[in-house]
């Protein structure tokens, strides 16, 4: 089977998100989001108004802090180094 992005051949993700949650007041916008993006993959975000697309991108770009979760960005093509780890009270 052709595996252009390397998942099946032991390739490492270049972006990895684990358990990302974000709330605005009592409204949970992102709820325990897990995501791996591998080299060569294309990611598309679809959703209606208020679905959390902009909130997701702000987390990915490091422009906002999630309530909980971890975000890893690969450096130099290796496995993601988790650059942010969060719990309900802030950075660990």
C-alpha atoms as a PDB file:
ATOM      1  CA  UNK A   1       0.000   0.000   0.000  1.00  0.00           C
ATOM      2  CA  UNK A   2       1.285   3.480  -0.885  1.00  0.00           C
ATOM      3  CA  UNK A   3       1.974   5.527   2.265  1.00  0.00           C
ATOM      4  CA  UNK A   4       3.055   9.001   1.093  1.00  0.00           C
ATOM      5  CA  UNK A   5       2.796  10.613   4.518  1.00  0.00           C
ATOM      6  CA  UNK A   6       4.719   7.996   6.461  1.00  0.00           C
ATOM      7  CA  UNK A   7       2.161   7.035   9.112  1.00  0.00           C
ATOM      8  CA  UNK A   8       2.417   3.319   8.491  1.00  0.00           C
ATOM      9  CA  UNK A   9       6.198   3.402   8.121  1.00  0.00           C
ATOM     10  CA  UNK A  10       6.867   4.853  11.551  1.00  0.00           C
ATOM     11  CA  UNK A  11       6.735   8.493  10.474  1.00  0.00           C
ATOM     12  CA  UNK A  12       6.343  11.080  13.216  1.00  0.00           C
ATOM     13  CA  UNK A  13       3.697  13.799  13.266  1.00  0.00           C
ATOM     14  CA  UNK A  14       4.867  17.382  12.818  1.00  0.00           C
ATOM     15  CA  UNK A  15       1.983  18.661  14.948  1.00  0.00           C
ATOM     16  CA  UNK A  16       0.439  16.797  17.848  1.00  0.00           C
ATOM     17  CA  UNK A  17      -2.388  18.009  20.078  1.00  0.00           C
ATOM     18  CA  UNK A  18      -3.641  16.035  23.073  1.00  0.00           C
ATOM     19  CA  UNK A  19      -6.664  16.796  25.226  1.00  0.00           C
ATOM     20  CA  UNK A  20      -7.041  20.458  24.185  1.00  0.00           C
ATOM     21  CA  UNK A  21     -10.102  21.976  25.838  1.00  0.00           C
ATOM     22  CA  UNK A  22     -11.234  25.602  25.736  1.00  0.00           C
ATOM     23  CA  UNK A  23     -14.276  27.199  27.327  1.00  0.00           C
ATOM     24  CA  UNK A  24     -15.702  30.688  27.151  1.00  0.00           C
ATOM     25  CA  UNK A  25     -17.630  31.033  30.377  1.00  0.00           C
ATOM     26  CA  UNK A  26     -19.858  27.973  30.662  1.00  0.00           C
ATOM     27  CA  UNK A  27     -19.670  27.228  26.923  1.00  0.00           C
ATOM     28  CA  UNK A  28     -17.156  24.500  25.981  1.00  0.00           C
ATOM     29  CA  UNK A  29     -15.850  25.344  22.492  1.00  0.00           C
ATOM     30  CA  UNK A  30     -13.137  22.669  22.180  1.00  0.00           C
ATOM     31  CA  UNK A  31     -13.603  19.474  24.151  1.00  0.00           C
ATOM     32  CA  UNK A  32     -10.590  17.156  24.568  1.00  0.00           C
ATOM     33  CA  UNK A  33      -9.290  17.617  20.990  1.00  0.00           C
ATOM     34  CA  UNK A  34      -6.636  15.124  19.871  1.00  0.00           C
ATOM     35  CA  UNK A  35      -4.924  15.625  16.514  1.00  0.00           C
ATOM     36  CA  UNK A  36      -1.797  14.469  14.704  1.00  0.00           C
ATOM     37  CA  UNK A  37      -0.680  16.085  11.445  1.00  0.00           C
ATOM     38  CA  UNK A  38       2.002  14.285   9.435  1.00  0.00           C
ATOM     39  CA  UNK A  39       4.343  15.733   6.799  1.00  0.00           C
ATOM     40  CA  UNK A  40       2.510  16.018   3.495  1.00  0.00           C
ATOM     41  CA  UNK A  41      -0.966  16.009   5.024  1.00  0.00           C
ATOM     42  CA  UNK A  42      -3.450  18.752   4.294  1.00  0.00           C
ATOM     43  CA  UNK A  43      -5.780  19.818   7.077  1.00  0.00           C
ATOM     44  CA  UNK A  44      -9.138  21.485   6.415  1.00  0.00           C
ATOM     45  CA  UNK A  45     -11.352  22.970   9.135  1.00  0.00           C
ATOM     46  CA  UNK A  46     -15.051  23.079   8.383  1.00  0.00           C
ATOM     47  CA  UNK A  47     -17.853  24.206  10.637  1.00  0.00           C
ATOM     48  CA  UNK A  48     -20.576  26.704  11.161  1.00  0.00           C
ATOM     49  CA  UNK A  49     -20.308  30.026  12.904  1.00  0.00           C
ATOM     50  CA  UNK A  50     -19.209  29.512  16.512  1.00  0.00           C
ATOM     51  CA  UNK A  51     -18.021  25.932  15.947  1.00  0.00           C
ATOM     52  CA  UNK A  52     -14.498  26.615  17.273  1.00  0.00           C
ATOM     53  CA  UNK A  53     -12.439  26.945  14.077  1.00  0.00           C
ATOM     54  CA  UNK A  54     -10.745  30.213  15.078  1.00  0.00           C
ATOM     55  CA  UNK A  55     -10.291  28.996  18.648  1.00  0.00           C
ATOM     56  CA  UNK A  56      -8.600  25.844  17.321  1.00  0.00           C
ATOM     57  CA  UNK A  57      -6.215  27.870  15.150  1.00  0.00           C
ATOM     58  CA  UNK A  58      -5.353  30.210  18.036  1.00  0.00           C
ATOM     59  CA  UNK A  59      -4.350  27.173  20.107  1.00  0.00           C
ATOM     60  CA  UNK A  60      -2.272  25.752  17.268  1.00  0.00           C
ATOM     61  CA  UNK A  61      -0.465  29.064  16.714  1.00  0.00           C
ATOM     62  CA  UNK A  62       0.126  29.652  20.417  1.00  0.00           C
ATOM     63  CA  UNK A  63      -1.944  32.852  20.432  1.00  0.00           C
ATOM     64  CA  UNK A  64      -4.207  31.657  23.239  1.00  0.00           C
ATOM     65  CA  UNK A  65      -3.856  29.268  26.153  1.00  0.00           C
ATOM     66  CA  UNK A  66      -6.226  26.291  26.420  1.00  0.00           C
ATOM     67  CA  UNK A  67      -7.890  25.302  29.676  1.00  0.00           C
ATOM     68  CA  UNK A  68      -6.251  21.858  29.459  1.00  0.00           C
ATOM     69  CA  UNK A  69      -4.103  19.850  27.067  1.00  0.00           C
ATOM     70  CA  UNK A  70      -0.741  19.613  25.323  1.00  0.00           C
ATOM     71  CA  UNK A  71       0.518  20.921  22.003  1.00  0.00           C
ATOM     72  CA  UNK A  72       3.645  19.609  20.289  1.00  0.00           C
ATOM     73  CA  UNK A  73       5.385  21.049  17.252  1.00  0.00           C
ATOM     74  CA  UNK A  74       8.184  19.040  15.624  1.00  0.00           C
ATOM     75  CA  UNK A  75      11.565  20.684  15.251  1.00  0.00           C
ATOM     76  CA  UNK A  76      13.927  19.473  12.561  1.00  0.00           C
ATOM     77  CA  UNK A  77      11.618  16.716  11.322  1.00  0.00           C
ATOM     78  CA  UNK A  78      11.748  14.654  14.523  1.00  0.00           C
ATOM     79  CA  UNK A  79       8.909  13.749  16.845  1.00  0.00           C
ATOM     80  CA  UNK A  80       7.016  16.700  18.327  1.00  0.00           C
ATOM     81  CA  UNK A  81       8.603  18.274  21.359  1.00  0.00           C
ATOM     82  CA  UNK A  82       5.679  19.212  23.539  1.00  0.00           C
ATOM     83  CA  UNK A  83       6.217  22.925  23.874  1.00  0.00           C
ATOM     84  CA  UNK A  84       3.139  23.586  25.966  1.00  0.00           C
ATOM     85  CA  UNK A  85       1.484  21.543  28.674  1.00  0.00           C
ATOM     86  CA  UNK A  86      -1.557  22.939  30.410  1.00  0.00           C
ATOM     87  CA  UNK A  87      -3.843  22.114  33.271  1.00  0.00           C
ATOM     88  CA  UNK A  88      -6.847  24.053  34.488  1.00  0.00           C
ATOM     89  CA  UNK A  89      -4.732  26.561  36.392  1.00  0.00           C
ATOM     90  CA  UNK A  90      -2.201  27.387  33.665  1.00  0.00           C
ATOM     91  CA  UNK A  91       1.136  26.205  32.375  1.00  0.00           C
ATOM     92  CA  UNK A  92       2.830  23.296  34.124  1.00  0.00           C
END
